[in-house]
Amino acid sequence: MAEFDTEEAASIVAPCFDAVRDVFVAHVLEPGVKLDRLRRTKLLIDSGAHDSERHFAGCRTDGRQIELAPQAADLPLETLTAILAHEFGHAADFSYPAQFRLVARYQAAQWRALPDRGAPRKVAAWQDRSDDQIEWTADAIAYLVTGRQVGYCGPCMVQCWNGVDRPRDLR
């Protein structure tokens, strides 16, 4: 892998980040409802995001920032877009708490506008999800928005298109 400093990496990955964000923001969940809050999601290139062989990215739990390791600039475009779609899945999940429903691990998520009644219970259940459920939900939201299922590839099991299903307890 080539070594990129943060400025070089940003110049390479920012157009891809912007394109994936545009796909998410333009997606119509139901008439009149789009993922407008994701317009505020920013990109940060941070060498700390590459804390292991398989970690190239992360999303803040408020959905406002996605961090990418400079090494992500050297990934194939297909891998980078799958990673970004997964991270924007997290950003959508965190920006719209409890409004996406994980139907099954390998299906697209479902959007549900929260009515006033029952919302506190649904948000509490959303907050109590396991790490696996959070990761599967990010993949399911990416599937809902892009129409493509996020899979996992290679010896490090990073996100890709057309890979295997995310294994349980993958860290």
C-alpha atoms as a PDB file:
ATOM      1  CA  MET A   1       0.000   0.000   0.000  1.00  0.00           C
ATOM      2  CA  ALA A   2       1.125   3.523  -0.748  1.00  0.00           C
ATOM      3  CA  GLU A   3       1.609   5.937   2.102  1.00  0.00           C
ATOM      4  CA  PHE A   4      -0.623   9.012   1.837  1.00  0.00           C
ATOM      5  CA  ASP A   5      -0.587  11.985   4.155  1.00  0.00           C
ATOM      6  CA  THR A   6      -3.969  13.309   5.261  1.00  0.00           C
ATOM      7  CA  GLU A   7      -4.128  16.036   2.613  1.00  0.00           C
ATOM      8  CA  GLU A   8      -3.315  13.622  -0.229  1.00  0.00           C
ATOM      9  CA  ALA A   9      -5.759  11.050   1.114  1.00  0.00           C
ATOM     10  CA  ALA A  10      -8.508  13.661   1.404  1.00  0.00           C
ATOM     11  CA  SER A  11      -8.026  14.734  -2.209  1.00  0.00           C
ATOM     12  CA  ILE A  12      -8.463  11.105  -3.302  1.00  0.00           C
ATOM     13  CA  VAL A  13     -11.357   9.979  -1.081  1.00  0.00           C
ATOM     14  CA  ALA A  14     -13.384  13.210  -0.768  1.00  0.00           C
ATOM     15  CA  PRO A  15     -15.038  12.907  -4.204  1.00  0.00           C
ATOM     16  CA  CYS A  16     -16.133   9.350  -3.365  1.00  0.00           C
ATOM     17  CA  PHE A  17     -17.353  10.463   0.083  1.00  0.00           C
ATOM     18  CA  ASP A  18     -19.354  13.297  -1.510  1.00  0.00           C
ATOM     19  CA  ALA A  19     -20.859  10.964  -4.120  1.00  0.00           C
ATOM     20  CA  VAL A  20     -21.985   8.392  -1.535  1.00  0.00           C
ATOM     21  CA  ARG A  21     -23.381  11.155   0.704  1.00  0.00           C
ATOM     22  CA  ASP A  22     -25.307  12.543  -2.304  1.00  0.00           C
ATOM     23  CA  VAL A  23     -26.864   9.117  -2.941  1.00  0.00           C
ATOM     24  CA  PHE A  24     -27.986   8.889   0.699  1.00  0.00           C
ATOM     25  CA  VAL A  25     -29.335  12.463   0.848  1.00  0.00           C
ATOM     26  CA  ALA A  26     -31.277  12.033  -2.414  1.00  0.00           C
ATOM     27  CA  HIS A  27     -32.887   8.733  -1.365  1.00  0.00           C
ATOM     28  CA  VAL A  28     -36.654   9.075  -0.865  1.00  0.00           C
ATOM     29  CA  LEU A  29     -37.773   7.037   2.157  1.00  0.00           C
ATOM     30  CA  GLU A  30     -41.429   7.911   1.656  1.00  0.00           C
ATOM     31  CA  PRO A  31     -43.094  10.798  -0.165  1.00  0.00           C
ATOM     32  CA  GLY A  32     -41.571  14.000   1.166  1.00  0.00           C
ATOM     33  CA  VAL A  33     -39.022  12.257   3.417  1.00  0.00           C
ATOM     34  CA  LYS A  34     -35.325  12.182   2.588  1.00  0.00           C
ATOM     35  CA  LEU A  35     -32.177  11.759   4.680  1.00  0.00           C
ATOM     36  CA  ASP A  36     -31.542  15.524   4.766  1.00  0.00           C
ATOM     37  CA  ARG A  37     -29.707  15.390   8.104  1.00  0.00           C
ATOM     38  CA  LEU A  38     -26.850  13.573   6.374  1.00  0.00           C
ATOM     39  CA  ARG A  39     -25.953  16.795   4.524  1.00  0.00           C
ATOM     40  CA  ARG A  40     -24.152  17.805   7.722  1.00  0.00           C
ATOM     41  CA  THR A  41     -22.053  14.618   7.884  1.00  0.00           C
ATOM     42  CA  LYS A  42     -18.429  15.619   7.419  1.00  0.00           C
ATOM     43  CA  LEU A  43     -15.298  13.710   6.433  1.00  0.00           C
ATOM     44  CA  LEU A  44     -12.249  13.554   8.675  1.00  0.00           C
ATOM     45  CA  ILE A  45      -9.061  11.834   7.546  1.00  0.00           C
ATOM     46  CA  ASP A  46      -7.477  10.401  10.686  1.00  0.00           C
ATOM     47  CA  SER A  47      -4.642   7.900  10.961  1.00  0.00           C
ATOM     48  CA  GLY A  48      -6.234   6.655  14.201  1.00  0.00           C
ATOM     49  CA  ALA A  49      -9.097   5.184  12.162  1.00  0.00           C
ATOM     50  CA  HIS A  50      -6.725   2.434  10.979  1.00  0.00           C
ATOM     51  CA  ASP A  51      -6.320   0.807  14.376  1.00  0.00           C
ATOM     52  CA  SER A  52      -6.189  -2.753  13.026  1.00  0.00           C
ATOM     53  CA  GLU A  53      -5.820  -4.599   9.731  1.00  0.00           C
ATOM     54  CA  ARG A  54      -9.537  -4.415   8.957  1.00  0.00           C
ATOM     55  CA  HIS A  55     -10.490  -0.966  10.225  1.00  0.00           C
ATOM     56  CA  PHE A  56     -10.412   1.858   7.703  1.00  0.00           C
ATOM     57  CA  ALA A  57     -13.363   3.937   8.885  1.00  0.00           C
ATOM     58  CA  GLY A  58     -15.748   4.813  11.676  1.00  0.00           C
ATOM     59  CA  CYS A  59     -18.747   7.035  12.308  1.00  0.00           C
ATOM     60  CA  ARG A  60     -19.378   9.257  15.308  1.00  0.00           C
ATOM     61  CA  THR A  61     -22.455   8.220  17.261  1.00  0.00           C
ATOM     62  CA  ASP A  62     -24.235  11.471  16.402  1.00  0.00           C
ATOM     63  CA  GLY A  63     -23.869  10.762  12.661  1.00  0.00           C
ATOM     64  CA  ARG A  64     -22.132  14.081  11.994  1.00  0.00           C
ATOM     65  CA  GLN A  65     -18.672  12.774  11.146  1.00  0.00           C
ATOM     66  CA  ILE A  66     -17.183   9.835   9.312  1.00  0.00           C
ATOM     67  CA  GLU A  67     -13.502   9.202   9.898  1.00  0.00           C
ATOM     68  CA  LEU A  68     -11.385   7.511   7.251  1.00  0.00           C
ATOM     69  CA  ALA A  69      -7.825   6.323   7.605  1.00  0.00           C
ATOM     70  CA  PRO A  70      -5.389   7.771   5.042  1.00  0.00           C
ATOM     71  CA  GLN A  71      -4.797   4.158   3.926  1.00  0.00           C
ATOM     72  CA  ALA A  72      -8.378   4.110   2.563  1.00  0.00           C
ATOM     73  CA  ALA A  73      -7.097   6.200  -0.352  1.00  0.00           C
ATOM     74  CA  ASP A  74      -5.248   3.115  -1.604  1.00  0.00           C
ATOM     75  CA  LEU A  75      -8.277   0.807  -1.546  1.00  0.00           C
ATOM     76  CA  PRO A  76     -10.042  -0.256  -4.746  1.00  0.00           C
ATOM     77  CA  LEU A  77     -12.958   2.068  -5.555  1.00  0.00           C
ATOM     78  CA  GLU A  78     -15.485  -0.761  -5.071  1.00  0.00           C
ATOM     79  CA  THR A  79     -14.165  -1.416  -1.559  1.00  0.00           C
ATOM     80  CA  LEU A  80     -14.037   2.265  -0.648  1.00  0.00           C
ATOM     81  CA  THR A  81     -17.631   2.858  -1.788  1.00  0.00           C
ATOM     82  CA  ALA A  82     -18.867  -0.178   0.156  1.00  0.00           C
ATOM     83  CA  ILE A  83     -17.073   1.031   3.300  1.00  0.00           C
ATOM     84  CA  LEU A  84     -18.537   4.515   2.860  1.00  0.00           C
ATOM     85  CA  ALA A  85     -22.041   3.133   2.239  1.00  0.00           C
ATOM     86  CA  HIS A  86     -21.737   1.129   5.474  1.00  0.00           C
ATOM     87  CA  GLU A  87     -20.549   4.227   7.384  1.00  0.00           C
ATOM     88  CA  PHE A  88     -23.348   6.355   5.926  1.00  0.00           C
ATOM     89  CA  GLY A  89     -25.673   3.569   7.072  1.00  0.00           C
ATOM     90  CA  HIS A  90     -24.393   4.258  10.589  1.00  0.00           C
ATOM     91  CA  ALA A  91     -24.746   8.019  10.076  1.00  0.00           C
ATOM     92  CA  ALA A  92     -28.386   7.564   9.009  1.00  0.00           C
ATOM     93  CA  ASP A  93     -29.075   5.199  11.912  1.00  0.00           C
ATOM     94  CA  PHE A  94     -27.567   7.628  14.433  1.00  0.00           C
ATOM     95  CA  SER A  95     -29.141  10.737  12.856  1.00  0.00           C
ATOM     96  CA  TYR A  96     -32.627   9.181  12.869  1.00  0.00           C
ATOM     97  CA  PRO A  97     -32.697   7.166  16.130  1.00  0.00           C
ATOM     98  CA  ALA A  98     -35.013   4.139  16.084  1.00  0.00           C
ATOM     99  CA  GLN A  99     -36.494   5.083  12.703  1.00  0.00           C
ATOM    100  CA  PHE A 100     -34.946   2.227  10.755  1.00  0.00           C
ATOM    101  CA  ARG A 101     -36.027  -1.316  11.437  1.00  0.00           C
ATOM    102  CA  LEU A 102     -33.740  -4.267  10.910  1.00  0.00           C
ATOM    103  CA  VAL A 103     -36.054  -6.822   9.307  1.00  0.00           C
ATOM    104  CA  ALA A 104     -33.502  -9.599   8.911  1.00  0.00           C
ATOM    105  CA  ARG A 105     -29.744  -9.661   8.691  1.00  0.00           C
ATOM    106  CA  TYR A 106     -29.669  -9.981   4.906  1.00  0.00           C
ATOM    107  CA  GLN A 107     -32.515  -7.698   3.893  1.00  0.00           C
ATOM    108  CA  ALA A 108     -32.866  -3.971   3.375  1.00  0.00           C
ATOM    109  CA  ALA A 109     -33.883  -1.983   6.439  1.00  0.00           C
ATOM    110  CA  GLN A 110     -37.372  -0.537   6.693  1.00  0.00           C
ATOM    111  CA  TRP A 111     -38.072   3.113   7.413  1.00  0.00           C
ATOM    112  CA  ARG A 112     -40.655   3.899  10.053  1.00  0.00           C
ATOM    113  CA  ALA A 113     -41.548   7.399  11.110  1.00  0.00           C
ATOM    114  CA  LEU A 114     -41.964   7.336  14.867  1.00  0.00           C
ATOM    115  CA  PRO A 115     -45.386   8.336  16.167  1.00  0.00           C
ATOM    116  CA  ASP A 116     -45.497  10.131  19.502  1.00  0.00           C
ATOM    117  CA  ARG A 117     -46.967   7.086  21.261  1.00  0.00           C
ATOM    118  CA  GLY A 118     -44.490   4.267  21.568  1.00  0.00           C
ATOM    119  CA  ALA A 119     -41.472   6.361  20.581  1.00  0.00           C
ATOM    120  CA  PRO A 120     -39.780   6.261  24.009  1.00  0.00           C
ATOM    121  CA  ARG A 121     -40.055   2.456  24.087  1.00  0.00           C
ATOM    122  CA  LYS A 122     -38.682   2.111  20.547  1.00  0.00           C
ATOM    123  CA  VAL A 123     -35.790   4.495  21.278  1.00  0.00           C
ATOM    124  CA  ALA A 124     -34.958   2.552  24.457  1.00  0.00           C
ATOM    125  CA  ALA A 125     -34.894  -0.714  22.492  1.00  0.00           C
ATOM    126  CA  TRP A 126     -32.766   0.972  19.808  1.00  0.00           C
ATOM    127  CA  GLN A 127     -30.270   2.093  22.448  1.00  0.00           C
ATOM    128  CA  ASP A 128     -30.030  -1.443  23.870  1.00  0.00           C
ATOM    129  CA  ARG A 129     -28.952  -3.117  20.616  1.00  0.00           C
ATOM    130  CA  SER A 130     -25.911  -5.364  20.500  1.00  0.00           C
ATOM    131  CA  ASP A 131     -22.811  -4.408  18.508  1.00  0.00           C
ATOM    132  CA  ASP A 132     -23.816  -6.977  15.897  1.00  0.00           C
ATOM    133  CA  GLN A 133     -27.305  -5.487  15.564  1.00  0.00           C
ATOM    134  CA  ILE A 134     -25.824  -2.005  15.100  1.00  0.00           C
ATOM    135  CA  GLU A 135     -23.464  -3.244  12.368  1.00  0.00           C
ATOM    136  CA  TRP A 136     -26.164  -5.294  10.620  1.00  0.00           C
ATOM    137  CA  THR A 137     -28.458  -2.251  10.708  1.00  0.00           C
ATOM    138  CA  ALA A 138     -25.791  -0.083   9.023  1.00  0.00           C
ATOM    139  CA  ASP A 139     -25.479  -2.696   6.269  1.00  0.00           C
ATOM    140  CA  ALA A 140     -29.276  -2.947   5.949  1.00  0.00           C
ATOM    141  CA  ILE A 141     -29.646   0.838   5.629  1.00  0.00           C
ATOM    142  CA  ALA A 142     -26.912   0.890   2.977  1.00  0.00           C
ATOM    143  CA  TYR A 143     -28.839  -1.854   1.148  1.00  0.00           C
ATOM    144  CA  LEU A 144     -32.100   0.129   1.399  1.00  0.00           C
ATOM    145  CA  VAL A 145     -30.466   3.265  -0.011  1.00  0.00           C
ATOM    146  CA  THR A 146     -28.129   1.816  -2.652  1.00  0.00           C
ATOM    147  CA  GLY A 147     -30.020  -1.327  -3.647  1.00  0.00           C
ATOM    148  CA  ARG A 148     -26.773  -3.257  -3.146  1.00  0.00           C
ATOM    149  CA  GLN A 149     -26.016  -5.557  -0.255  1.00  0.00           C
ATOM    150  CA  VAL A 150     -22.835  -4.801   1.659  1.00  0.00           C
ATOM    151  CA  GLY A 151     -20.730  -7.920   2.032  1.00  0.00           C
ATOM    152  CA  TYR A 152     -17.370  -8.724   3.585  1.00  0.00           C
ATOM    153  CA  CYS A 153     -14.275  -9.793   1.654  1.00  0.00           C
ATOM    154  CA  GLY A 154     -10.661 -10.761   1.989  1.00  0.00           C
ATOM    155  CA  PRO A 155      -8.627 -12.045   4.871  1.00  0.00           C
ATOM    156  CA  CYS A 156      -9.463  -8.932   6.922  1.00  0.00           C
ATOM    157  CA  MET A 157     -13.210  -9.095   6.168  1.00  0.00           C
ATOM    158  CA  VAL A 158     -13.629  -5.476   5.104  1.00  0.00           C
ATOM    159  CA  GLN A 159     -16.815  -4.197   3.516  1.00  0.00           C
ATOM    160  CA  CYS A 160     -17.213  -4.821  -0.193  1.00  0.00           C
ATOM    161  CA  TRP A 161     -19.971  -5.399  -2.714  1.00  0.00           C
ATOM    162  CA  ASN A 162     -20.810  -9.029  -3.464  1.00  0.00           C
ATOM    163  CA  GLY A 163     -18.992 -10.496  -0.461  1.00  0.00           C
ATOM    164  CA  VAL A 164     -20.144 -12.867   2.255  1.00  0.00           C
ATOM    165  CA  ASP A 165     -22.592 -11.869   4.980  1.00  0.00           C
ATOM    166  CA  ARG A 166     -21.125 -10.099   8.010  1.00  0.00           C
ATOM    167  CA  PRO A 167     -20.130 -12.729  10.542  1.00  0.00           C
ATOM    168  CA  ARG A 168     -21.418 -12.474  14.082  1.00  0.00           C
ATOM    169  CA  ASP A 169     -18.938 -10.859  16.513  1.00  0.00           C
ATOM    170  CA  LEU A 170     -16.742  -9.361  13.755  1.00  0.00           C
ATOM    171  CA  ARG A 171     -14.721  -6.536  15.295  1.00  0.00           C
END
